[in-house]
Every structure is written in structure tokens, then in C-alpha cells.
């Protein structure tokens, strides 16, 4: 016995939901002339869970190239990390800027 067309549609929809990965977003950290390198390293470690070495490398990339990807996340996590990192920067009067970009 074959499933009814309505059941087939429901099955296809469930299968599609299982295989669709959530869209991913890059959190980009931007260089400025005021935020200290030590502060950038601290934010990368505390908010983005980078190791000392990873944070140091990313900070230098931002310094030399103007920006770098701090991480790739789902939209909610990316915006939450940006909010937390931006709040930390403003509390220290740094203009450190982050953007969220679709992958």
C-alpha cells in the first residue's frame, strides 16, 4: 500500500528539515586606531573562546589587514557574541567594531 499524497508531502518535508543546515554567519572584527592589541586579544579569548595563540594571530591579522573573521556561527549566536564583545569594548571606551556577514 502506497502512502497518500499528503503523507508523502509530510515525509518529504520532514526529510528536508533534517538535512537543511542552519545558515552560517561570519563575525568580522575591524581594525581601528584606538583599541589596544591586548584588549582585542582578551575579547577574542573571552567571547570567541580562542586560545592565546589563535587570539594573537587574529589580532595581528586585524592589525595588518584591517579585519579578520573571529568565528562562524548561527545568526543568533553571532549577534549575541557581537553584542557581548561590543558591550565590553564600550565599557572600556574603545570603538572596536564587529559585523555579522552571511557565509
PDB file of N, CA and C in Angstrom:
ATOM      1  N   UNK A   1       0.844  -1.178   0.000  1.00  0.00           N
ATOM      2  CA  UNK A   1       0.000   0.000   0.000  1.00  0.00           C
ATOM      3  C   UNK A   1       0.895   1.248   0.000  1.00  0.00           C
ATOM      4  N   UNK A   2       0.619   2.186  -0.895  1.00  0.00           N
ATOM      5  CA  UNK A   2       1.410   3.416  -1.026  1.00  0.00           C
ATOM      6  C   UNK A   2       0.858   4.502  -0.115  1.00  0.00           C
ATOM      7  N   UNK A   3       1.750   5.347   0.440  1.00  0.00           N
ATOM      8  CA  UNK A   3       1.263   6.452   1.260  1.00  0.00           C
ATOM      9  C   UNK A   3       0.436   7.424   0.422  1.00  0.00           C
ATOM     10  N   UNK A   4      -0.507   8.051   1.044  1.00  0.00           N
ATOM     11  CA  UNK A   4      -1.343   9.045   0.377  1.00  0.00           C
ATOM     12  C   UNK A   4      -0.455  10.245   0.005  1.00  0.00           C
ATOM     13  N   UNK A   5      -0.828  11.008  -1.042  1.00  0.00           N
ATOM     14  CA  UNK A   5      -0.012  12.151  -1.459  1.00  0.00           C
ATOM     15  C   UNK A   5       0.274  13.128  -0.310  1.00  0.00           C
ATOM     16  N   UNK A   6      -0.694  13.328   0.564  1.00  0.00           N
ATOM     17  CA  UNK A   6      -0.498  14.245   1.690  1.00  0.00           C
ATOM     18  C   UNK A   6       0.596  13.712   2.624  1.00  0.00           C
ATOM     19  N   UNK A   7       0.593  12.385   2.851  1.00  0.00           N
ATOM     20  CA  UNK A   7       1.614  11.779   3.701  1.00  0.00           C
ATOM     21  C   UNK A   7       2.994  11.891   3.048  1.00  0.00           C
ATOM     22  N   UNK A   8       3.056  11.680   1.736  1.00  0.00           N
ATOM     23  CA  UNK A   8       4.334  11.795   1.022  1.00  0.00           C
ATOM     24  C   UNK A   8       4.906  13.200   1.177  1.00  0.00           C
ATOM     25  N   UNK A   9       4.048  14.199   1.072  1.00  0.00           N
ATOM     26  CA  UNK A   9       4.494  15.590   1.223  1.00  0.00           C
ATOM     27  C   UNK A   9       5.039  15.821   2.623  1.00  0.00           C
ATOM     28  N   UNK A  10       4.373  15.292   3.632  1.00  0.00           N
ATOM     29  CA  UNK A  10       4.817  15.454   5.019  1.00  0.00           C
ATOM     30  C   UNK A  10       6.162  14.754   5.237  1.00  0.00           C
ATOM     31  N   UNK A  11       6.309  13.577   4.641  1.00  0.00           N
ATOM     32  CA  UNK A  11       7.563  12.825   4.770  1.00  0.00           C
ATOM     33  C   UNK A  11       8.705  13.607   4.111  1.00  0.00           C
ATOM     34  N   UNK A  12       8.453  14.124   2.893  1.00  0.00           N
ATOM     35  CA  UNK A  12       9.483  14.907   2.193  1.00  0.00           C
ATOM     36  C   UNK A  12       9.863  16.137   3.008  1.00  0.00           C
ATOM     37  N   UNK A  13       8.882  16.785   3.590  1.00  0.00           N
ATOM     38  CA  UNK A  13       9.164  17.987   4.378  1.00  0.00           C
ATOM     39  C   UNK A  13      10.017  17.636   5.596  1.00  0.00           C
ATOM     40  N   UNK A  14       9.694  16.537   6.292  1.00  0.00           N
ATOM     41  CA  UNK A  14      10.489  16.120   7.451  1.00  0.00           C
ATOM     42  C   UNK A  14      11.915  15.805   7.032  1.00  0.00           C
ATOM     43  N   UNK A  15      12.079  15.117   5.906  1.00  0.00           N
ATOM     44  CA  UNK A  15      13.413  14.769   5.433  1.00  0.00           C
ATOM     45  C   UNK A  15      14.204  16.029   5.099  1.00  0.00           C
ATOM     46  N   UNK A  16      13.544  17.005   4.480  1.00  0.00           N
ATOM     47  CA  UNK A  16      14.216  18.245   4.124  1.00  0.00           C
ATOM     48  C   UNK A  16      14.637  19.006   5.386  1.00  0.00           C
ATOM     49  N   UNK A  17      13.787  19.013   6.386  1.00  0.00           N
ATOM     50  CA  UNK A  17      14.106  19.707   7.636  1.00  0.00           C
ATOM     51  C   UNK A  17      15.310  19.080   8.324  1.00  0.00           C
ATOM     52  N   UNK A  18      15.426  17.772   8.230  1.00  0.00           N
ATOM     53  CA  UNK A  18      16.557  17.075   8.859  1.00  0.00           C
ATOM     54  C   UNK A  18      17.881  17.430   8.193  1.00  0.00           C
ATOM     55  N   UNK A  19      17.872  17.618   6.879  1.00  0.00           N
ATOM     56  CA  UNK A  19      19.123  17.787   6.157  1.00  0.00           C
ATOM     57  C   UNK A  19      19.536  19.246   5.997  1.00  0.00           C
ATOM     58  N   UNK A  20      18.616  20.194   6.138  1.00  0.00           N
ATOM     59  CA  UNK A  20      18.978  21.601   5.982  1.00  0.00           C
ATOM     60  C   UNK A  20      19.781  22.070   7.179  1.00  0.00           C
ATOM     61  N   UNK A  21      20.996  22.513   6.903  1.00  0.00           N
ATOM     62  CA  UNK A  21      21.831  23.081   7.956  1.00  0.00           C
ATOM     63  C   UNK A  21      21.389  24.521   8.168  1.00  0.00           C
ATOM     64  N   UNK A  22      21.453  25.012   9.406  1.00  0.00           N
ATOM     65  CA  UNK A  22      21.126  26.426   9.601  1.00  0.00           C
ATOM     66  C   UNK A  22      22.153  27.296   8.882  1.00  0.00           C
ATOM     67  N   UNK A  23      21.692  28.421   8.387  1.00  0.00           N
ATOM     68  CA  UNK A  23      22.592  29.339   7.694  1.00  0.00           C
ATOM     69  C   UNK A  23      23.679  29.810   8.663  1.00  0.00           C
ATOM     70  N   UNK A  24      24.884  29.993   8.154  1.00  0.00           N
ATOM     71  CA  UNK A  24      26.017  30.367   8.994  1.00  0.00           C
ATOM     72  C   UNK A  24      26.424  31.822   8.693  1.00  0.00           C
ATOM     73  N   UNK A  25      26.948  32.471   9.728  1.00  0.00           N
ATOM     74  CA  UNK A  25      27.339  33.871   9.620  1.00  0.00           C
ATOM     75  C   UNK A  25      28.739  34.072  10.194  1.00  0.00           C
ATOM     76  N   UNK A  26      29.532  34.874   9.494  1.00  0.00           N
ATOM     77  CA  UNK A  26      30.869  35.224   9.968  1.00  0.00           C
ATOM     78  C   UNK A  26      30.772  36.454  10.856  1.00  0.00           C
ATOM     79  N   UNK A  27      31.499  36.416  11.963  1.00  0.00           N
ATOM     80  CA  UNK A  27      31.661  37.612  12.788  1.00  0.00           C
ATOM     81  C   UNK A  27      33.018  38.193  12.406  1.00  0.00           C
ATOM     82  N   UNK A  28      32.984  39.411  11.857  1.00  0.00           N
ATOM     83  CA  UNK A  28      34.203  40.070  11.393  1.00  0.00           C
ATOM     84  C   UNK A  28      34.580  41.157  12.395  1.00  0.00           C
ATOM     85  N   UNK A  29      35.833  41.145  12.798  1.00  0.00           N
ATOM     86  CA  UNK A  29      36.357  42.174  13.696  1.00  0.00           C
ATOM     87  C   UNK A  29      37.153  43.158  12.844  1.00  0.00           C
ATOM     88  N   UNK A  30      36.928  44.451  13.079  1.00  0.00           N
ATOM     89  CA  UNK A  30      37.527  45.504  12.258  1.00  0.00           C
ATOM     90  C   UNK A  30      38.587  46.285  13.042  1.00  0.00           C
ATOM     91  N   UNK A  31      39.615  46.685  12.338  1.00  0.00           N
ATOM     92  CA  UNK A  31      40.703  47.452  12.946  1.00  0.00           C
ATOM     93  C   UNK A  31      40.274  48.890  13.220  1.00  0.00           C
ATOM     94  N   UNK A  32      40.846  49.473  14.240  1.00  0.00           N
ATOM     95  CA  UNK A  32      40.708  50.907  14.497  1.00  0.00           C
ATOM     96  C   UNK A  32      42.025  51.381  15.098  1.00  0.00           C
ATOM     97  N   UNK A  33      42.155  52.684  15.244  1.00  0.00           N
ATOM     98  CA  UNK A  33      43.424  53.245  15.726  1.00  0.00           C
ATOM     99  C   UNK A  33      43.476  53.435  17.241  1.00  0.00           C
ATOM    100  N   UNK A  34      42.454  52.983  17.957  1.00  0.00           N
ATOM    101  CA  UNK A  34      42.380  53.276  19.389  1.00  0.00           C
ATOM    102  C   UNK A  34      42.356  52.053  20.297  1.00  0.00           C
ATOM    103  N   UNK A  35      41.695  50.992  19.864  1.00  0.00           N
ATOM    104  CA  UNK A  35      41.578  49.799  20.698  1.00  0.00           C
ATOM    105  C   UNK A  35      42.948  49.137  20.835  1.00  0.00           C
ATOM    106  N   UNK A  36      43.313  48.817  22.062  1.00  0.00           N
ATOM    107  CA  UNK A  36      44.632  48.218  22.268  1.00  0.00           C
ATOM    108  C   UNK A  36      44.668  46.765  21.781  1.00  0.00           C
ATOM    109  N   UNK A  37      45.844  46.332  21.404  1.00  0.00           N
ATOM    110  CA  UNK A  37      46.018  44.954  20.945  1.00  0.00           C
ATOM    111  C   UNK A  37      45.697  43.977  22.071  1.00  0.00           C
ATOM    112  N   UNK A  38      46.097  44.314  23.287  1.00  0.00           N
ATOM    113  CA  UNK A  38      45.814  43.442  24.436  1.00  0.00           C
ATOM    114  C   UNK A  38      44.315  43.267  24.647  1.00  0.00           C
ATOM    115  N   UNK A  39      43.565  44.350  24.465  1.00  0.00           N
ATOM    116  CA  UNK A  39      42.109  44.267  24.646  1.00  0.00           C
ATOM    117  C   UNK A  39      41.489  43.372  23.577  1.00  0.00           C
ATOM    118  N   UNK A  40      41.934  43.504  22.337  1.00  0.00           N
ATOM    119  CA  UNK A  40      41.416  42.670  21.245  1.00  0.00           C
ATOM    120  C   UNK A  40      41.695  41.194  21.552  1.00  0.00           C
ATOM    121  N   UNK A  41      42.888  40.886  22.009  1.00  0.00           N
ATOM    122  CA  UNK A  41      43.247  39.505  22.362  1.00  0.00           C
ATOM    123  C   UNK A  41      42.330  39.006  23.487  1.00  0.00           C
ATOM    124  N   UNK A  42      42.104  39.839  24.493  1.00  0.00           N
ATOM    125  CA  UNK A  42      41.246  39.444  25.607  1.00  0.00           C
ATOM    126  C   UNK A  42      39.823  39.134  25.131  1.00  0.00           C
ATOM    127  N   UNK A  43      39.266  39.976  24.277  1.00  0.00           N
ATOM    128  CA  UNK A  43      37.912  39.762  23.750  1.00  0.00           C
ATOM    129  C   UNK A  43      37.859  38.468  22.936  1.00  0.00           C
ATOM    130  N   UNK A  44      38.866  38.242  22.112  1.00  0.00           N
ATOM    131  CA  UNK A  44      38.888  37.022  21.298  1.00  0.00           C
ATOM    132  C   UNK A  44      38.934  35.768  22.176  1.00  0.00           C
ATOM    133  N   UNK A  45      39.617  35.863  23.289  1.00  0.00           N
ATOM    134  CA  UNK A  45      39.705  34.714  24.200  1.00  0.00           C
ATOM    135  C   UNK A  45      38.410  34.532  25.003  1.00  0.00           C
ATOM    136  N   UNK A  46      37.879  35.625  25.563  1.00  0.00           N
ATOM    137  CA  UNK A  46      36.719  35.528  26.447  1.00  0.00           C
ATOM    138  C   UNK A  46      35.394  35.327  25.717  1.00  0.00           C
ATOM    139  N   UNK A  47      35.219  35.998  24.591  1.00  0.00           N
ATOM    140  CA  UNK A  47      33.936  35.939  23.883  1.00  0.00           C
ATOM    141  C   UNK A  47      33.930  34.870  22.789  1.00  0.00           C
ATOM    142  N   UNK A  48      35.052  34.750  22.098  1.00  0.00           N
ATOM    143  CA  UNK A  48      35.110  33.834  20.957  1.00  0.00           C
ATOM    144  C   UNK A  48      35.869  32.543  21.274  1.00  0.00           C
ATOM    145  N   UNK A  49      36.295  32.381  22.526  1.00  0.00           N
ATOM    146  CA  UNK A  49      36.941  31.169  23.029  1.00  0.00           C
ATOM    147  C   UNK A  49      38.163  30.749  22.215  1.00  0.00           C
ATOM    148  N   UNK A  50      38.973  31.742  21.829  1.00  0.00           N
ATOM    149  CA  UNK A  50      40.212  31.446  21.105  1.00  0.00           C
ATOM    150  C   UNK A  50      41.328  31.171  22.112  1.00  0.00           C
ATOM    151  N   UNK A  51      42.262  30.335  21.701  1.00  0.00           N
ATOM    152  CA  UNK A  51      43.444  30.085  22.539  1.00  0.00           C
ATOM    153  C   UNK A  51      44.329  31.332  22.500  1.00  0.00           C
ATOM    154  N   UNK A  52      45.331  31.377  23.370  1.00  0.00           N
ATOM    155  CA  UNK A  52      46.265  32.509  23.359  1.00  0.00           C
ATOM    156  C   UNK A  52      46.863  32.703  21.970  1.00  0.00           C
ATOM    157  N   UNK A  53      47.321  31.609  21.363  1.00  0.00           N
ATOM    158  CA  UNK A  53      47.971  31.677  20.058  1.00  0.00           C
ATOM    159  C   UNK A  53      46.995  32.120  18.973  1.00  0.00           C
ATOM    160  N   UNK A  54      45.785  31.531  18.957  1.00  0.00           N
ATOM    161  CA  UNK A  54      44.784  31.918  17.951  1.00  0.00           C
ATOM    162  C   UNK A  54      44.409  33.393  18.089  1.00  0.00           C
ATOM    163  N   UNK A  55      44.201  33.835  19.316  1.00  0.00           N
ATOM    164  CA  UNK A  55      43.811  35.230  19.563  1.00  0.00           C
ATOM    165  C   UNK A  55      44.912  36.180  19.099  1.00  0.00           C
ATOM    166  N   UNK A  56      46.139  35.823  19.391  1.00  0.00           N
ATOM    167  CA  UNK A  56      47.285  36.646  18.991  1.00  0.00           C
ATOM    168  C   UNK A  56      47.371  36.740  17.464  1.00  0.00           C
ATOM    169  N   UNK A  57      47.221  35.600  16.777  1.00  0.00           N
ATOM    170  CA  UNK A  57      47.281  35.576  15.309  1.00  0.00           C
ATOM    171  C   UNK A  57      46.159  36.404  14.691  1.00  0.00           C
ATOM    172  N   UNK A  58      44.937  36.247  15.231  1.00  0.00           N
ATOM    173  CA  UNK A  58      43.796  37.005  14.711  1.00  0.00           C
ATOM    174  C   UNK A  58      43.983  38.505  14.929  1.00  0.00           C
ATOM    175  N   UNK A  59      44.458  38.875  16.107  1.00  0.00           N
ATOM    176  CA  UNK A  59      44.678  40.291  16.405  1.00  0.00           C
ATOM    177  C   UNK A  59      45.680  40.884  15.415  1.00  0.00           C
ATOM    178  N   UNK A  60      46.750  40.146  15.120  1.00  0.00           N
ATOM    179  CA  UNK A  60      47.755  40.639  14.173  1.00  0.00           C
ATOM    180  C   UNK A  60      47.185  40.736  12.758  1.00  0.00           C
ATOM    181  N   UNK A  61      46.328  39.801  12.399  1.00  0.00           N
ATOM    182  CA  UNK A  61      45.683  39.851  11.081  1.00  0.00           C
ATOM    183  C   UNK A  61      44.809  41.105  10.981  1.00  0.00           C
ATOM    184  N   UNK A  62      44.030  41.382  12.026  1.00  0.00           N
ATOM    185  CA  UNK A  62      43.199  42.592  12.047  1.00  0.00           C
ATOM    186  C   UNK A  62      44.092  43.823  11.932  1.00  0.00           C
ATOM    187  N   UNK A  63      45.176  43.837  12.673  1.00  0.00           N
ATOM    188  CA  UNK A  63      46.101  44.971  12.691  1.00  0.00           C
ATOM    189  C   UNK A  63      46.717  45.223  11.313  1.00  0.00           C
ATOM    190  N   UNK A  64      47.123  44.157  10.641  1.00  0.00           N
ATOM    191  CA  UNK A  64      47.821  44.306   9.363  1.00  0.00           C
ATOM    192  C   UNK A  64      46.892  44.369   8.152  1.00  0.00           C
ATOM    193  N   UNK A  65      45.770  43.662   8.212  1.00  0.00           N
ATOM    194  CA  UNK A  65      44.884  43.587   7.039  1.00  0.00           C
ATOM    195  C   UNK A  65      43.602  44.401   7.191  1.00  0.00           C
ATOM    196  N   UNK A  66      43.350  44.929   8.383  1.00  0.00           N
ATOM    197  CA  UNK A  66      42.174  45.763   8.580  1.00  0.00           C
ATOM    198  C   UNK A  66      40.963  45.043   9.134  1.00  0.00           C
ATOM    199  N   UNK A  67      40.935  43.723   8.962  1.00  0.00           N
ATOM    200  CA  UNK A  67      39.822  42.946   9.513  1.00  0.00           C
ATOM    201  C   UNK A  67      40.169  41.463   9.472  1.00  0.00           C
ATOM    202  N   UNK A  68      39.388  40.683  10.235  1.00  0.00           N
ATOM    203  CA  UNK A  68      39.566  39.225  10.249  1.00  0.00           C
ATOM    204  C   UNK A  68      38.279  38.595  10.761  1.00  0.00           C
ATOM    205  N   UNK A  69      38.061  37.346  10.395  1.00  0.00           N
ATOM    206  CA  UNK A  69      36.885  36.613  10.876  1.00  0.00           C
ATOM    207  C   UNK A  69      37.211  36.034  12.247  1.00  0.00           C
ATOM    208  N   UNK A  70      36.419  36.436  13.232  1.00  0.00           N
ATOM    209  CA  UNK A  70      36.610  35.946  14.604  1.00  0.00           C
ATOM    210  C   UNK A  70      35.971  34.575  14.789  1.00  0.00           C
ATOM    211  N   UNK A  71      34.977  34.257  13.973  1.00  0.00           N
ATOM    212  CA  UNK A  71      34.317  32.963  14.063  1.00  0.00           C
ATOM    213  C   UNK A  71      33.115  32.896  13.143  1.00  0.00           C
ATOM    214  N   UNK A  72      32.593  31.683  12.958  1.00  0.00           N
ATOM    215  CA  UNK A  72      31.426  31.458  12.116  1.00  0.00           C
ATOM    216  C   UNK A  72      30.391  30.721  12.956  1.00  0.00           C
ATOM    217  N   UNK A  73      29.163  31.261  12.995  1.00  0.00           N
ATOM    218  CA  UNK A  73      28.126  30.769  13.900  1.00  0.00           C
ATOM    219  C   UNK A  73      26.757  30.865  13.244  1.00  0.00           C
ATOM    220  N   UNK A  74      25.757  30.331  13.934  1.00  0.00           N
ATOM    221  CA  UNK A  74      24.383  30.592  13.522  1.00  0.00           C
ATOM    222  C   UNK A  74      24.113  32.070  13.803  1.00  0.00           C
ATOM    223  N   UNK A  75      23.058  32.621  13.219  1.00  0.00           N
ATOM    224  CA  UNK A  75      22.785  34.050  13.339  1.00  0.00           C
ATOM    225  C   UNK A  75      22.639  34.487  14.799  1.00  0.00           C
ATOM    226  N   UNK A  76      21.857  33.749  15.566  1.00  0.00           N
ATOM    227  CA  UNK A  76      21.612  34.134  16.964  1.00  0.00           C
ATOM    228  C   UNK A  76      22.902  34.162  17.782  1.00  0.00           C
ATOM    229  N   UNK A  77      23.734  33.159  17.599  1.00  0.00           N
ATOM    230  CA  UNK A  77      24.995  33.110  18.345  1.00  0.00           C
ATOM    231  C   UNK A  77      25.917  34.231  17.874  1.00  0.00           C
ATOM    232  N   UNK A  78      25.991  34.460  16.563  1.00  0.00           N
ATOM    233  CA  UNK A  78      26.852  35.526  16.027  1.00  0.00           C
ATOM    234  C   UNK A  78      26.442  36.886  16.592  1.00  0.00           C
ATOM    235  N   UNK A  79      25.150  37.197  16.569  1.00  0.00           N
ATOM    236  CA  UNK A  79      24.710  38.508  17.059  1.00  0.00           C
ATOM    237  C   UNK A  79      24.884  38.629  18.568  1.00  0.00           C
ATOM    238  N   UNK A  80      24.733  37.530  19.275  1.00  0.00           N
ATOM    239  CA  UNK A  80      24.932  37.542  20.726  1.00  0.00           C
ATOM    240  C   UNK A  80      26.399  37.820  21.061  1.00  0.00           C
ATOM    241  N   UNK A  81      27.317  37.187  20.337  1.00  0.00           N
ATOM    242  CA  UNK A  81      28.748  37.406  20.576  1.00  0.00           C
ATOM    243  C   UNK A  81      29.142  38.849  20.233  1.00  0.00           C
ATOM    244  N   UNK A  82      28.584  39.375  19.147  1.00  0.00           N
ATOM    245  CA  UNK A  82      28.865  40.767  18.769  1.00  0.00           C
ATOM    246  C   UNK A  82      28.373  41.713  19.856  1.00  0.00           C
ATOM    247  N   UNK A  83      27.180  41.469  20.367  1.00  0.00           N
ATOM    248  CA  UNK A  83      26.634  42.335  21.422  1.00  0.00           C
ATOM    249  C   UNK A  83      27.511  42.301  22.669  1.00  0.00           C
ATOM    250  N   UNK A  84      27.934  41.111  23.066  1.00  0.00           N
ATOM    251  CA  UNK A  84      28.769  40.967  24.262  1.00  0.00           C
ATOM    252  C   UNK A  84      30.127  41.650  24.075  1.00  0.00           C
ATOM    253  N   UNK A  85      30.771  41.405  22.930  1.00  0.00           N
ATOM    254  CA  UNK A  85      32.090  41.987  22.660  1.00  0.00           C
ATOM    255  C   UNK A  85      32.003  43.512  22.539  1.00  0.00           C
ATOM    256  N   UNK A  86      30.952  44.000  21.894  1.00  0.00           N
ATOM    257  CA  UNK A  86      30.778  45.441  21.737  1.00  0.00           C
ATOM    258  C   UNK A  86      30.545  46.097  23.092  1.00  0.00           C
ATOM    259  N   UNK A  87      29.749  45.465  23.934  1.00  0.00           N
ATOM    260  CA  UNK A  87      29.487  45.997  25.284  1.00  0.00           C
ATOM    261  C   UNK A  87      30.801  46.096  26.073  1.00  0.00           C
ATOM    262  N   UNK A  88      31.619  45.050  25.999  1.00  0.00           N
ATOM    263  CA  UNK A  88      32.916  45.067  26.690  1.00  0.00           C
ATOM    264  C   UNK A  88      33.778  46.228  26.190  1.00  0.00           C
ATOM    265  N   UNK A  89      33.798  46.419  24.869  1.00  0.00           N
ATOM    266  CA  UNK A  89      34.615  47.486  24.286  1.00  0.00           C
ATOM    267  C   UNK A  89      34.123  48.861  24.728  1.00  0.00           C
ATOM    268  N   UNK A  90      32.813  49.072  24.705  1.00  0.00           N
ATOM    269  CA  UNK A  90      32.268  50.381  25.086  1.00  0.00           C
ATOM    270  C   UNK A  90      32.516  50.677  26.562  1.00  0.00           C
ATOM    271  N   UNK A  91      32.463  49.642  27.392  1.00  0.00           N
ATOM    272  CA  UNK A  91      32.734  49.836  28.823  1.00  0.00           C
ATOM    273  C   UNK A  91      34.162  50.324  29.061  1.00  0.00           C
ATOM    274  N   UNK A  92      35.060  50.003  28.125  1.00  0.00           N
ATOM    275  CA  UNK A  92      36.453  50.447  28.224  1.00  0.00           C
ATOM    276  C   UNK A  92      36.725  51.651  27.314  1.00  0.00           C
ATOM    277  N   UNK A  93      35.641  52.199  26.745  1.00  0.00           N
ATOM    278  CA  UNK A  93      35.726  53.361  25.832  1.00  0.00           C
ATOM    279  C   UNK A  93      36.530  53.091  24.568  1.00  0.00           C
ATOM    280  N   UNK A  94      36.464  51.856  24.073  1.00  0.00           N
ATOM    281  CA  UNK A  94      37.109  51.511  22.811  1.00  0.00           C
ATOM    282  C   UNK A  94      36.053  51.456  21.711  1.00  0.00           C
ATOM    283  N   UNK A  95      36.409  51.913  20.497  1.00  0.00           N
ATOM    284  CA  UNK A  95      35.453  51.888  19.382  1.00  0.00           C
ATOM    285  C   UNK A  95      35.459  50.570  18.596  1.00  0.00           C
ATOM    286  N   UNK A  96      36.006  49.521  19.171  1.00  0.00           N
ATOM    287  CA  UNK A  96      36.124  48.228  18.469  1.00  0.00           C
ATOM    288  C   UNK A  96      34.793  47.870  17.820  1.00  0.00           C
ATOM    289  N   UNK A  97      34.853  47.472  16.544  1.00  0.00           N
ATOM    290  CA  UNK A  97      33.648  47.222  15.758  1.00  0.00           C
ATOM    291  C   UNK A  97      33.644  45.805  15.194  1.00  0.00           C
ATOM    292  N   UNK A  98      32.465  45.219  15.205  1.00  0.00           N
ATOM    293  CA  UNK A  98      32.229  43.881  14.653  1.00  0.00           C
ATOM    294  C   UNK A  98      31.074  43.961  13.676  1.00  0.00           C
ATOM    295  N   UNK A  99      31.117  43.123  12.645  1.00  0.00           N
ATOM    296  CA  UNK A  99      29.968  42.996  11.760  1.00  0.00           C
ATOM    297  C   UNK A  99      29.648  41.522  11.602  1.00  0.00           C
ATOM    298  N   UNK A 100      28.388  41.244  11.254  1.00  0.00           N
ATOM    299  CA  UNK A 100      27.918  39.884  11.020  1.00  0.00           C
ATOM    300  C   UNK A 100      27.592  39.789   9.534  1.00  0.00           C
ATOM    301  N   UNK A 101      28.202  38.812   8.858  1.00  0.00           N
ATOM    302  CA  UNK A 101      28.020  38.666   7.416  1.00  0.00           C
ATOM    303  C   UNK A 101      27.650  37.232   7.089  1.00  0.00           C
ATOM    304  N   UNK A 102      26.664  37.039   6.191  1.00  0.00           N
ATOM    305  CA  UNK A 102      26.312  35.673   5.796  1.00  0.00           C
ATOM    306  C   UNK A 102      27.480  34.985   5.101  1.00  0.00           C
ATOM    307  N   UNK A 103      27.623  33.693   5.339  1.00  0.00           N
ATOM    308  CA  UNK A 103      28.695  32.906   4.698  1.00  0.00           C
ATOM    309  C   UNK A 103      28.371  32.681   3.243  1.00  0.00           C
TER     310      UNK A 103
END
